[in-house]
């Protein structure tokens, strides 16, 4: 899941080399932490959080195959 978030985020930002994804895996859930450069934060979140919501939706759909719950946090 972390690799999927990283690919999506790198396509959105101006500084793709500064995209860092950390994945913490539990029994039933996975927490994916996304860090980007401060000037790229708006591009990842989007107006009224629409892009962030779309990223979460895509990752959640990919995680249903594994019966896992995914939480995407933008730091």
N, C-alpha and C. Protein backbone atom coordinates (compact mmCIF):
# COMPACT_ATOMS: atom_id res chain seq x y z
N UNK A 1 0.82 -1.19 0.00
CA UNK A 1 0.00 0.00 0.00
C UNK A 1 0.86 1.26 0.00
N UNK A 2 1.98 1.18 0.68
CA UNK A 2 2.87 2.34 0.75
C UNK A 2 3.42 2.72 -0.60
N UNK A 3 3.72 1.72 -1.40
CA UNK A 3 4.27 1.99 -2.74
C UNK A 3 3.22 2.67 -3.62
N UNK A 4 1.97 2.27 -3.49
CA UNK A 4 0.89 2.89 -4.25
C UNK A 4 0.74 4.36 -3.87
N UNK A 5 0.77 4.66 -2.58
CA UNK A 5 0.66 6.05 -2.12
C UNK A 5 1.84 6.87 -2.61
N UNK A 6 3.03 6.27 -2.61
CA UNK A 6 4.24 6.98 -3.05
C UNK A 6 4.16 7.33 -4.54
N UNK A 7 3.70 6.39 -5.36
CA UNK A 7 3.60 6.64 -6.80
C UNK A 7 2.59 7.75 -7.08
N UNK A 8 1.45 7.71 -6.40
CA UNK A 8 0.43 8.75 -6.60
C UNK A 8 0.96 10.10 -6.17
N UNK A 9 1.59 10.16 -5.00
CA UNK A 9 2.09 11.43 -4.46
C UNK A 9 3.19 12.02 -5.34
N UNK A 10 4.09 11.17 -5.84
CA UNK A 10 5.18 11.66 -6.68
C UNK A 10 4.66 12.24 -7.99
N UNK A 11 3.54 11.74 -8.47
CA UNK A 11 2.96 12.27 -9.70
C UNK A 11 2.33 13.64 -9.48
N UNK A 12 1.97 13.95 -8.25
CA UNK A 12 1.27 15.21 -7.96
C UNK A 12 2.19 16.37 -7.62
N UNK A 13 3.33 16.10 -7.01
CA UNK A 13 4.16 17.17 -6.44
C UNK A 13 5.23 17.67 -7.41
N UNK A 14 5.82 18.83 -7.05
CA UNK A 14 6.92 19.39 -7.84
C UNK A 14 8.26 18.79 -7.44
N UNK A 15 8.38 18.31 -6.19
CA UNK A 15 9.63 17.72 -5.69
C UNK A 15 9.41 16.24 -5.36
N UNK A 16 9.37 15.37 -6.37
CA UNK A 16 9.07 13.96 -6.09
C UNK A 16 10.14 13.26 -5.26
N UNK A 17 11.37 13.80 -5.25
CA UNK A 17 12.43 13.16 -4.47
C UNK A 17 12.24 13.37 -2.97
N UNK A 18 11.39 14.32 -2.57
CA UNK A 18 11.16 14.59 -1.15
C UNK A 18 9.94 13.84 -0.60
N UNK A 19 9.32 12.99 -1.40
CA UNK A 19 8.17 12.22 -0.94
C UNK A 19 8.69 11.03 -0.12
N UNK A 20 8.22 10.94 1.12
CA UNK A 20 8.62 9.85 2.02
C UNK A 20 7.36 9.15 2.51
N UNK A 21 7.32 7.84 2.39
CA UNK A 21 6.17 7.06 2.84
C UNK A 21 6.65 6.07 3.89
N UNK A 22 5.98 6.09 5.04
CA UNK A 22 6.27 5.15 6.13
C UNK A 22 5.04 4.30 6.36
N UNK A 23 5.23 3.00 6.46
CA UNK A 23 4.11 2.08 6.59
C UNK A 23 4.22 1.34 7.92
N UNK A 24 3.18 1.44 8.75
CA UNK A 24 3.12 0.73 10.03
C UNK A 24 2.01 -0.31 9.92
N UNK A 25 2.36 -1.57 10.05
CA UNK A 25 1.39 -2.63 9.84
C UNK A 25 0.98 -3.27 11.16
N UNK A 26 -0.32 -3.40 11.36
CA UNK A 26 -0.86 -4.07 12.53
C UNK A 26 -1.54 -5.37 12.13
N UNK A 27 -2.36 -5.92 13.03
CA UNK A 27 -3.05 -7.18 12.74
C UNK A 27 -4.07 -7.02 11.62
N UNK A 28 -4.95 -6.02 11.76
CA UNK A 28 -6.03 -5.85 10.80
C UNK A 28 -5.94 -4.54 10.03
N UNK A 29 -5.00 -3.66 10.39
CA UNK A 29 -4.95 -2.36 9.73
C UNK A 29 -3.51 -2.00 9.38
N UNK A 30 -3.41 -1.10 8.43
CA UNK A 30 -2.12 -0.57 7.99
C UNK A 30 -2.23 0.94 8.05
N UNK A 31 -1.25 1.59 8.69
CA UNK A 31 -1.21 3.05 8.71
C UNK A 31 -0.10 3.48 7.76
N UNK A 32 -0.47 4.30 6.78
CA UNK A 32 0.48 4.80 5.79
C UNK A 32 0.67 6.29 6.06
N UNK A 33 1.91 6.67 6.40
CA UNK A 33 2.23 8.07 6.67
C UNK A 33 2.92 8.65 5.44
N UNK A 34 2.38 9.75 4.94
CA UNK A 34 2.91 10.41 3.75
C UNK A 34 3.50 11.75 4.14
N UNK A 35 4.78 11.95 3.83
CA UNK A 35 5.45 13.22 4.09
C UNK A 35 5.90 13.81 2.76
N UNK A 36 5.58 15.09 2.55
CA UNK A 36 6.01 15.79 1.34
C UNK A 36 6.65 17.11 1.75
N UNK A 37 7.27 17.77 0.79
CA UNK A 37 7.86 19.08 1.05
C UNK A 37 6.74 20.07 1.43
N UNK A 38 7.04 21.03 2.30
CA UNK A 38 6.00 21.98 2.75
C UNK A 38 5.31 22.73 1.60
N UNK A 39 6.06 23.06 0.56
CA UNK A 39 5.45 23.79 -0.55
C UNK A 39 4.55 22.90 -1.42
N UNK A 40 4.67 21.57 -1.27
CA UNK A 40 3.84 20.63 -2.02
C UNK A 40 2.62 20.15 -1.23
N UNK A 41 2.49 20.58 0.01
CA UNK A 41 1.40 20.10 0.86
C UNK A 41 0.03 20.40 0.25
N UNK A 42 -0.13 21.59 -0.32
CA UNK A 42 -1.41 21.96 -0.92
C UNK A 42 -1.77 21.11 -2.12
N UNK A 43 -0.76 20.68 -2.87
CA UNK A 43 -1.03 19.85 -4.05
C UNK A 43 -1.50 18.46 -3.66
N UNK A 44 -1.02 17.96 -2.53
CA UNK A 44 -1.41 16.62 -2.09
C UNK A 44 -2.78 16.65 -1.42
N UNK A 45 -3.08 17.73 -0.71
CA UNK A 45 -4.36 17.83 -0.01
C UNK A 45 -5.47 18.26 -0.97
N UNK A 46 -5.21 19.26 -1.79
CA UNK A 46 -6.20 19.73 -2.75
C UNK A 46 -7.21 20.67 -2.12
N UNK A 47 -8.04 21.26 -2.95
CA UNK A 47 -9.07 22.17 -2.47
C UNK A 47 -10.10 21.38 -1.67
N UNK A 48 -10.33 21.84 -0.46
CA UNK A 48 -11.27 21.21 0.48
C UNK A 48 -10.95 19.74 0.71
N UNK A 49 -9.68 19.36 0.54
CA UNK A 49 -9.26 17.99 0.82
C UNK A 49 -9.68 16.96 -0.20
N UNK A 50 -10.02 17.39 -1.39
CA UNK A 50 -10.54 16.46 -2.40
C UNK A 50 -9.49 15.47 -2.89
N UNK A 51 -8.27 15.93 -3.10
CA UNK A 51 -7.23 15.02 -3.60
C UNK A 51 -6.84 14.02 -2.52
N UNK A 52 -6.74 14.49 -1.27
CA UNK A 52 -6.43 13.58 -0.16
C UNK A 52 -7.52 12.53 -0.02
N UNK A 53 -8.76 12.93 -0.16
CA UNK A 53 -9.87 11.99 -0.07
C UNK A 53 -9.81 10.97 -1.21
N UNK A 54 -9.45 11.43 -2.41
CA UNK A 54 -9.34 10.52 -3.56
C UNK A 54 -8.20 9.52 -3.35
N UNK A 55 -7.08 9.96 -2.80
CA UNK A 55 -5.96 9.04 -2.51
C UNK A 55 -6.42 7.99 -1.51
N UNK A 56 -7.11 8.43 -0.46
CA UNK A 56 -7.60 7.48 0.55
C UNK A 56 -8.57 6.48 -0.06
N UNK A 57 -9.43 6.93 -0.97
CA UNK A 57 -10.41 6.04 -1.60
C UNK A 57 -9.72 4.99 -2.45
N UNK A 58 -8.74 5.38 -3.24
CA UNK A 58 -8.02 4.44 -4.10
C UNK A 58 -7.27 3.41 -3.27
N UNK A 59 -6.60 3.86 -2.21
CA UNK A 59 -5.84 2.95 -1.37
C UNK A 59 -6.78 2.00 -0.62
N UNK A 60 -7.91 2.53 -0.17
CA UNK A 60 -8.88 1.68 0.54
C UNK A 60 -9.43 0.60 -0.38
N UNK A 61 -9.67 0.96 -1.64
CA UNK A 61 -10.17 -0.01 -2.61
C UNK A 61 -9.12 -1.09 -2.88
N UNK A 62 -7.85 -0.70 -2.94
CA UNK A 62 -6.79 -1.69 -3.17
C UNK A 62 -6.62 -2.60 -1.95
N UNK A 63 -6.91 -2.10 -0.77
CA UNK A 63 -6.71 -2.87 0.46
C UNK A 63 -7.82 -3.88 0.71
N UNK A 64 -8.97 -3.68 0.09
CA UNK A 64 -10.07 -4.62 0.33
C UNK A 64 -9.75 -6.02 -0.18
N UNK A 65 -8.84 -6.14 -1.15
CA UNK A 65 -8.42 -7.45 -1.63
C UNK A 65 -7.77 -8.26 -0.51
N UNK A 66 -7.03 -7.57 0.37
CA UNK A 66 -6.30 -8.24 1.44
C UNK A 66 -7.09 -8.28 2.75
N UNK A 67 -8.34 -7.81 2.72
CA UNK A 67 -9.18 -7.70 3.92
C UNK A 67 -8.47 -6.91 5.02
N UNK A 68 -7.80 -5.85 4.62
CA UNK A 68 -7.11 -4.98 5.56
C UNK A 68 -7.78 -3.61 5.57
N UNK A 69 -7.59 -2.89 6.65
CA UNK A 69 -8.08 -1.52 6.77
C UNK A 69 -6.88 -0.60 6.66
N UNK A 70 -6.96 0.38 5.81
CA UNK A 70 -5.83 1.27 5.56
C UNK A 70 -6.20 2.68 6.00
N UNK A 71 -5.28 3.30 6.74
CA UNK A 71 -5.45 4.70 7.16
C UNK A 71 -4.29 5.47 6.54
N UNK A 72 -4.59 6.50 5.75
CA UNK A 72 -3.56 7.33 5.12
C UNK A 72 -3.51 8.65 5.88
N UNK A 73 -2.34 8.94 6.44
CA UNK A 73 -2.13 10.19 7.16
C UNK A 73 -1.12 11.04 6.39
N UNK A 74 -1.48 12.29 6.17
CA UNK A 74 -0.58 13.22 5.50
C UNK A 74 0.08 14.09 6.56
N UNK A 75 1.40 13.97 6.68
CA UNK A 75 2.13 14.67 7.75
C UNK A 75 2.88 15.84 7.16
